N, C-alpha and C. Protein backbone atom coordinates (compact mmCIF):
# COMPACT_ATOMS: atom_id res chain seq x y z
N UNK A 1 -8.33 -58.15 -24.24
CA UNK A 1 -7.32 -58.63 -24.14
C UNK A 1 -7.27 -60.34 -23.01
N UNK A 2 -6.56 -60.94 -23.68
CA UNK A 2 -6.41 -62.21 -22.31
C UNK A 2 -5.38 -62.37 -21.18
N UNK A 3 -5.49 -63.79 -21.43
CA UNK A 3 -3.85 -64.47 -20.00
C UNK A 3 -2.85 -63.91 -20.85
N UNK A 4 -2.74 -64.39 -22.36
CA UNK A 4 -1.90 -64.85 -23.20
C UNK A 4 -1.00 -63.68 -23.72
N UNK A 5 -2.27 -62.61 -23.45
CA UNK A 5 -1.66 -60.98 -24.00
C UNK A 5 -1.02 -60.51 -23.23
N UNK A 6 -1.64 -60.75 -21.94
CA UNK A 6 -1.13 -59.44 -20.74
C UNK A 6 0.20 -60.53 -20.39
N UNK A 7 0.13 -61.32 -21.20
CA UNK A 7 1.91 -62.41 -20.52
C UNK A 7 2.97 -61.26 -21.95
N UNK A 8 1.94 -61.05 -22.83
CA UNK A 8 3.42 -61.36 -23.49
C UNK A 8 3.64 -59.29 -23.26
N UNK A 9 2.71 -58.66 -23.23
CA UNK A 9 2.85 -57.62 -23.18
C UNK A 9 4.06 -57.52 -21.28
N UNK A 10 4.00 -58.48 -20.54
CA UNK A 10 4.34 -58.14 -19.30
C UNK A 10 6.09 -58.21 -20.09
N UNK A 11 5.74 -59.09 -20.24
CA UNK A 11 7.26 -59.57 -20.79
C UNK A 11 8.17 -59.07 -22.00
N UNK A 12 7.43 -58.18 -22.76
CA UNK A 12 8.25 -57.48 -24.12
C UNK A 12 7.58 -56.13 -24.33
N UNK A 13 6.34 -55.46 -23.19
CA UNK A 13 6.07 -53.96 -23.59
C UNK A 13 5.50 -53.52 -24.22
N UNK A 14 4.27 -52.59 -24.08
CA UNK A 14 3.72 -52.41 -25.32
C UNK A 14 4.30 -52.55 -26.57
N UNK A 15 3.72 -52.78 -27.98
CA UNK A 15 3.38 -52.89 -29.59
C UNK A 15 4.01 -51.42 -29.60
N UNK A 16 5.16 -51.01 -30.06
CA UNK A 16 5.78 -49.73 -30.38
C UNK A 16 4.88 -48.82 -31.37
N UNK A 17 4.13 -49.54 -31.77
CA UNK A 17 4.11 -48.97 -32.38
C UNK A 17 2.65 -47.95 -32.10
N UNK A 18 1.65 -48.62 -31.08
CA UNK A 18 0.89 -48.25 -30.22
C UNK A 18 1.45 -47.07 -29.05
N UNK A 19 2.53 -46.47 -28.74
CA UNK A 19 3.00 -45.82 -28.13
C UNK A 19 3.09 -44.02 -29.29
N UNK A 20 3.22 -43.09 -28.66
CA UNK A 20 3.18 -42.41 -29.20
C UNK A 20 4.40 -41.46 -29.24
N UNK A 21 5.09 -40.40 -29.91
CA UNK A 21 6.54 -40.04 -30.33
C UNK A 21 7.31 -39.73 -28.54
N UNK A 22 6.64 -39.31 -27.87
CA UNK A 22 7.00 -39.16 -26.15
C UNK A 22 7.23 -39.96 -26.04
N UNK A 23 6.30 -41.24 -25.72
CA UNK A 23 6.88 -42.08 -25.41
C UNK A 23 7.72 -43.87 -25.66
N UNK A 24 7.37 -43.36 -27.18
CA UNK A 24 8.57 -44.33 -27.63
C UNK A 24 10.26 -43.54 -27.55
N UNK A 25 9.93 -42.40 -27.56
CA UNK A 25 11.77 -41.85 -27.79
C UNK A 25 11.91 -42.45 -25.61
N UNK A 26 11.22 -41.51 -24.62
CA UNK A 26 10.69 -42.51 -23.28
C UNK A 26 11.23 -44.07 -23.21
N UNK A 27 10.91 -44.96 -23.73
CA UNK A 27 10.91 -45.92 -24.47
C UNK A 27 12.61 -46.75 -24.78
N UNK A 28 13.27 -45.63 -25.58
CA UNK A 28 14.50 -45.92 -26.42
C UNK A 28 15.63 -45.50 -25.54
N UNK A 29 15.27 -44.18 -25.15
CA UNK A 29 15.91 -43.60 -23.74
C UNK A 29 16.74 -44.76 -23.06
N UNK A 30 15.00 -45.78 -21.99
CA UNK A 30 15.24 -46.71 -21.27
C UNK A 30 16.37 -47.24 -21.75
N UNK A 31 15.52 -48.07 -22.43
CA UNK A 31 16.25 -49.26 -22.97
C UNK A 31 18.16 -49.00 -23.26
N UNK A 32 18.49 -48.48 -24.31
CA UNK A 32 20.10 -47.98 -24.43
C UNK A 32 20.25 -48.05 -23.09
N UNK A 33 19.58 -47.14 -22.03
CA UNK A 33 20.92 -46.39 -20.49
C UNK A 33 20.73 -47.95 -20.43
N UNK A 34 19.90 -48.89 -19.86
CA UNK A 34 20.09 -49.75 -19.65
C UNK A 34 20.85 -50.93 -20.07
N UNK A 35 21.62 -50.52 -21.08
CA UNK A 35 21.86 -51.83 -22.68
C UNK A 35 23.39 -52.42 -21.67
N UNK A 36 24.04 -51.76 -21.38
CA UNK A 36 25.78 -52.13 -20.79
C UNK A 36 25.08 -52.88 -19.88
N UNK A 37 24.64 -52.71 -18.57
CA UNK A 37 24.20 -53.83 -17.53
C UNK A 37 22.91 -54.58 -18.29
N UNK A 38 22.50 -54.77 -18.39
CA UNK A 38 22.29 -56.07 -19.18
C UNK A 38 23.42 -56.84 -19.64
N UNK A 39 23.97 -56.74 -21.13
CA UNK A 39 25.04 -56.96 -22.07
C UNK A 39 25.59 -57.90 -20.82
N UNK A 40 26.31 -57.21 -19.66
CA UNK A 40 27.37 -57.33 -19.15
C UNK A 40 26.75 -58.13 -18.14
N UNK A 41 25.59 -58.30 -17.64
CA UNK A 41 24.96 -59.31 -16.09
C UNK A 41 24.00 -60.15 -16.38
N UNK A 42 23.61 -59.83 -16.90
CA UNK A 42 21.88 -60.22 -17.79
C UNK A 42 22.26 -61.72 -17.57
N UNK A 43 21.69 -62.29 -17.52
CA UNK A 43 20.99 -63.90 -18.38
C UNK A 43 21.33 -63.76 -19.10
N UNK A 44 21.16 -64.61 -20.30
CA UNK A 44 20.96 -64.93 -21.75
C UNK A 44 19.42 -64.75 -22.46
N UNK A 45 18.35 -65.67 -21.55
CA UNK A 45 17.45 -65.02 -21.59
C UNK A 45 16.81 -63.54 -21.93
N UNK A 46 17.27 -62.90 -20.93
CA UNK A 46 16.65 -61.40 -21.03
C UNK A 46 17.93 -61.09 -22.02
N UNK A 47 18.52 -61.31 -22.02
CA UNK A 47 19.89 -60.81 -22.88
C UNK A 47 19.25 -60.75 -24.30
N UNK A 48 18.38 -62.10 -24.69
CA UNK A 48 18.32 -61.49 -25.77
C UNK A 48 16.27 -61.24 -25.91
N UNK A 49 16.03 -60.66 -25.01
CA UNK A 49 15.05 -59.83 -24.73
C UNK A 49 14.91 -58.46 -24.92
N UNK A 50 16.30 -58.62 -24.26
CA UNK A 50 16.43 -57.36 -24.64
C UNK A 50 16.83 -56.91 -25.80
N UNK A 51 17.86 -57.48 -26.54
CA UNK A 51 17.30 -57.62 -28.11
C UNK A 51 16.64 -57.65 -28.91
N UNK A 52 15.57 -58.15 -28.51
CA UNK A 52 14.54 -57.91 -29.39
C UNK A 52 13.97 -56.69 -29.38
N UNK A 53 13.53 -55.68 -28.02
CA UNK A 53 12.36 -55.36 -27.80
C UNK A 53 12.99 -54.07 -28.18
N UNK A 54 15.02 -53.82 -28.30
CA UNK A 54 15.72 -52.98 -29.31
C UNK A 54 15.24 -52.66 -30.09
N UNK A 55 15.16 -53.94 -30.30
CA UNK A 55 15.20 -53.89 -32.45
C UNK A 55 13.78 -53.31 -32.77
N UNK A 56 12.35 -54.03 -31.62
CA UNK A 56 11.30 -53.06 -32.67
C UNK A 56 10.94 -51.67 -31.64
N UNK A 57 11.92 -51.09 -30.75
CA UNK A 57 11.69 -49.44 -30.70
C UNK A 57 12.01 -48.88 -31.51
N UNK A 58 13.66 -49.99 -31.61
CA UNK A 58 14.60 -48.98 -32.55
C UNK A 58 13.59 -48.61 -34.73
N UNK A 59 13.16 -49.26 -34.96
CA UNK A 59 12.36 -49.93 -36.08
C UNK A 59 11.53 -49.37 -36.37
N UNK A 60 10.80 -48.97 -35.19
CA UNK A 60 9.77 -48.25 -35.19
C UNK A 60 9.73 -46.99 -35.50
N UNK A 61 10.90 -46.76 -34.48
CA UNK A 61 11.68 -45.65 -34.95
C UNK A 61 11.82 -44.75 -35.75
N UNK A 62 12.36 -45.60 -36.35
CA UNK A 62 13.43 -45.81 -38.01
C UNK A 62 12.05 -45.72 -38.85
N UNK A 63 10.89 -46.50 -38.52
CA UNK A 63 9.41 -46.91 -40.24
C UNK A 63 9.05 -45.02 -39.58
N UNK A 64 9.09 -44.62 -37.88
CA UNK A 64 8.44 -43.43 -38.07
C UNK A 64 9.39 -42.24 -39.25
N UNK A 65 10.63 -42.09 -38.76
CA UNK A 65 11.69 -40.96 -39.14
C UNK A 65 12.28 -41.35 -40.16
N UNK A 66 11.98 -41.62 -41.70
CA UNK A 66 12.77 -42.29 -42.32
C UNK A 66 13.60 -41.60 -42.95
N UNK A 67 13.32 -40.26 -42.83
CA UNK A 67 14.92 -38.69 -43.20
C UNK A 67 15.34 -38.32 -42.38
N UNK A 68 15.70 -38.93 -41.35
CA UNK A 68 15.66 -38.19 -40.25
C UNK A 68 17.32 -37.98 -40.15
N UNK A 69 17.85 -36.44 -39.34
CA UNK A 69 18.72 -36.47 -40.12
C UNK A 69 20.05 -37.55 -39.67
N UNK A 70 21.11 -37.23 -40.99
CA UNK A 70 22.66 -38.02 -40.98
C UNK A 70 23.53 -37.62 -40.46
N UNK A 71 24.16 -37.20 -39.30
CA UNK A 71 25.44 -36.68 -39.15
C UNK A 71 26.82 -37.29 -40.07
N UNK A 72 27.52 -36.14 -40.62
CA UNK A 72 28.30 -36.48 -41.49
C UNK A 72 29.76 -37.18 -41.10
N UNK A 73 30.00 -36.94 -39.65
CA UNK A 73 30.53 -37.68 -39.32
C UNK A 73 30.58 -39.00 -38.96
N UNK A 74 29.15 -39.98 -38.98
CA UNK A 74 27.86 -40.50 -38.58
C UNK A 74 28.62 -41.87 -40.00
N UNK A 75 28.86 -41.52 -41.20
CA UNK A 75 29.33 -42.08 -42.80
C UNK A 75 30.46 -42.82 -42.44
N UNK A 76 30.37 -44.03 -43.30
CA UNK A 76 31.22 -44.06 -44.08
C UNK A 76 32.97 -43.39 -44.34
N UNK A 77 31.93 -41.70 -45.85
CA UNK A 77 32.52 -41.62 -45.95
C UNK A 77 33.26 -40.35 -44.97
N UNK A 78 32.73 -39.87 -44.19
CA UNK A 78 32.90 -38.96 -42.95
C UNK A 78 34.35 -39.72 -41.81
N UNK A 79 33.97 -41.07 -41.85
CA UNK A 79 34.65 -41.31 -41.12
C UNK A 79 36.14 -42.04 -41.77
N UNK A 80 35.88 -41.54 -42.87
CA UNK A 80 37.33 -42.07 -44.02
C UNK A 80 37.75 -40.45 -43.78
N UNK A 81 37.77 -39.93 -43.93
CA UNK A 81 37.69 -38.07 -43.51
C UNK A 81 38.60 -37.81 -41.89
N UNK A 82 38.10 -38.85 -40.68
CA UNK A 82 38.71 -37.88 -39.87
C UNK A 82 39.64 -39.10 -39.78
N UNK A 83 39.68 -40.87 -40.62
CA UNK A 83 40.82 -40.78 -40.24
C UNK A 83 42.10 -40.72 -41.41
N UNK A 84 41.18 -39.46 -41.95
CA UNK A 84 42.94 -39.26 -42.55
C UNK A 84 43.49 -37.41 -41.75
N UNK A 85 42.94 -37.31 -41.01
CA UNK A 85 43.80 -36.66 -39.24
C UNK A 85 42.42 -34.94 -39.42
N UNK A 86 40.99 -35.28 -40.06
CA UNK A 86 40.54 -33.97 -40.74
C UNK A 86 39.77 -33.90 -38.61
N UNK A 87 39.37 -33.09 -38.15
CA UNK A 87 38.17 -33.64 -37.03
C UNK A 87 36.91 -33.82 -37.20
N UNK A 88 36.18 -34.49 -36.32
CA UNK A 88 34.74 -34.76 -36.41
C UNK A 88 34.37 -33.67 -36.39
N UNK A 89 34.40 -32.53 -34.51
CA UNK A 89 33.96 -31.80 -35.19
C UNK A 89 33.91 -30.43 -35.39
N UNK A 90 32.76 -30.06 -36.08
CA UNK A 90 33.26 -28.38 -36.92
C UNK A 90 33.34 -27.68 -36.31
N UNK A 91 34.00 -26.86 -37.18
CA UNK A 91 34.87 -25.50 -36.83
C UNK A 91 33.61 -24.87 -36.69
N UNK A 92 34.18 -23.62 -35.71
CA UNK A 92 32.79 -22.58 -36.07
C UNK A 92 33.77 -21.07 -36.74
């Protein structure tokens, strides 16, 4: 690794494809937890970097989990059903 590679890693983090599943989830949890403060209080450059890193991490998660479970309430059809008065919470 040369000095440029080290600088890139320091600025953007480890390439998401090199993270194991547990590390990837930890990175995603961290970036989502810091999102609001970054949006409200960070410089434009910091927000741009945050956006880029979030996109990389989320893209890697989706690449690894193409058939992830999707909650019915998080689809257009589910949203329409909620709009018609049906509860988003499943009844037992």
